[in-house]
Amino acid sequence: MTIKYTKHVYDKLKLPEIIKLKIKLEDIAQVLENPTHVDKSIMPHQTVGDLSSTLSLSVIWKIKDGIMKVITFYPAKKGRYESKILRRR
């Protein structure tokens, strides 16, 4: 599936704190391809995956016309977003 990124994602990748964490588009795509948790019960959808041994990456996305559009992403301590997804179930 084709993945498109919003301007917000590109702008966020330029922030000093994101650069310090070395997050790249490839990391976002990797989380989408191999997530640890996925929540499709809300719109837009949320996917969480490992960024490092202590950090996870939450990716917010939706599908329109067969194209996956990444809206934003959030790095966080492991467990923060995973627990929110599990509580919604």
Protein backbone atom coordinates (compact mmCIF):
# COMPACT_ATOMS: atom_id res chain seq x y z
CA MET A 1 0.00 0.00 0.00
CA THR A 2 1.20 3.48 -0.82
CA ILE A 3 2.04 5.68 2.18
CA LYS A 4 1.69 9.47 1.97
CA TYR A 5 2.85 11.86 4.68
CA THR A 6 1.25 15.18 5.58
CA LYS A 7 3.18 18.44 5.67
CA HIS A 8 2.84 18.26 9.46
CA VAL A 9 4.87 15.01 9.50
CA TYR A 10 7.65 16.54 7.38
CA ASP A 11 7.70 19.66 9.58
CA LYS A 12 7.78 17.60 12.76
CA LEU A 13 10.78 15.60 11.49
CA LYS A 14 12.74 18.90 11.48
CA LEU A 15 12.15 19.63 15.18
CA PRO A 16 15.30 19.46 17.35
CA GLU A 17 13.85 16.89 19.75
CA ILE A 18 12.86 14.61 16.85
CA ILE A 19 16.27 15.02 15.20
CA LYS A 20 17.90 14.15 18.55
CA LEU A 21 15.88 10.89 18.63
CA LYS A 22 16.93 10.21 15.01
CA ILE A 23 13.37 9.49 13.86
CA LYS A 24 13.05 9.18 10.09
CA LEU A 25 10.28 8.38 7.61
CA GLU A 26 11.65 4.84 7.49
CA ASP A 27 10.96 4.46 11.23
CA ILE A 28 7.36 5.55 10.74
CA ALA A 29 6.92 3.13 7.83
CA GLN A 30 8.47 0.33 9.91
CA VAL A 31 5.93 0.90 12.71
CA LEU A 32 3.11 0.78 10.17
CA GLU A 33 4.43 -2.47 8.68
CA ASN A 34 5.30 -4.19 12.00
CA PRO A 35 3.19 -2.67 14.79
CA THR A 36 3.02 -3.95 18.35
CA HIS A 37 -0.48 -2.51 18.80
CA VAL A 38 -3.14 -1.23 16.38
CA ASP A 39 -6.35 0.61 17.24
CA LYS A 40 -8.87 0.91 14.41
CA SER A 41 -11.77 1.59 16.79
CA ILE A 42 -11.13 5.32 16.53
CA MET A 43 -10.80 7.51 13.48
CA PRO A 44 -8.10 8.31 12.52
CA HIS A 45 -6.42 5.04 13.44
CA GLN A 46 -3.48 4.66 15.83
CA THR A 47 -0.58 2.25 15.47
CA VAL A 48 2.22 1.83 18.02
CA GLY A 49 5.57 0.16 17.53
CA ASP A 50 9.02 -0.03 19.04
CA LEU A 51 11.43 2.82 18.44
CA SER A 52 14.10 1.62 20.88
CA SER A 53 14.33 -0.49 24.01
CA THR A 54 12.81 2.36 26.06
CA LEU A 55 10.76 4.30 23.50
CA SER A 56 7.75 3.55 21.35
CA LEU A 57 6.42 5.45 18.35
CA SER A 58 2.72 6.16 17.95
CA VAL A 59 1.59 6.86 14.38
CA ILE A 60 -1.81 8.40 13.58
CA TRP A 61 -3.14 7.55 10.10
CA LYS A 62 -6.16 6.98 7.89
CA ILE A 63 -6.87 5.28 4.58
CA LYS A 64 -8.54 7.17 1.76
CA ASP A 65 -8.91 5.88 -1.79
CA GLY A 66 -6.52 3.01 -1.05
CA ILE A 67 -3.73 5.32 0.13
CA MET A 68 -2.49 5.32 3.73
CA LYS A 69 -2.08 8.91 4.89
CA VAL A 70 0.10 9.50 7.96
CA ILE A 71 -1.22 12.50 9.86
CA THR A 72 1.26 12.72 12.74
CA PHE A 73 3.47 10.69 15.06
CA TYR A 74 4.47 10.80 18.73
CA PRO A 75 7.53 9.30 20.40
CA ALA A 76 6.90 8.29 24.02
CA LYS A 77 8.13 6.08 26.83
CA LYS A 78 7.19 2.46 26.22
CA GLY A 79 3.78 1.57 27.56
CA ARG A 80 2.21 5.03 27.37
CA TYR A 81 0.19 4.56 24.18
CA GLU A 82 0.05 0.77 24.34
CA SER A 83 -1.89 0.94 27.61
CA LYS A 84 -4.36 3.46 26.16
CA ILE A 85 -5.07 1.17 23.23
CA LEU A 86 -5.57 -1.84 25.50
CA ARG A 87 -8.01 0.15 27.69
CA ARG A 88 -10.20 0.95 24.66
CA ARG A 89 -10.77 -2.74 23.93
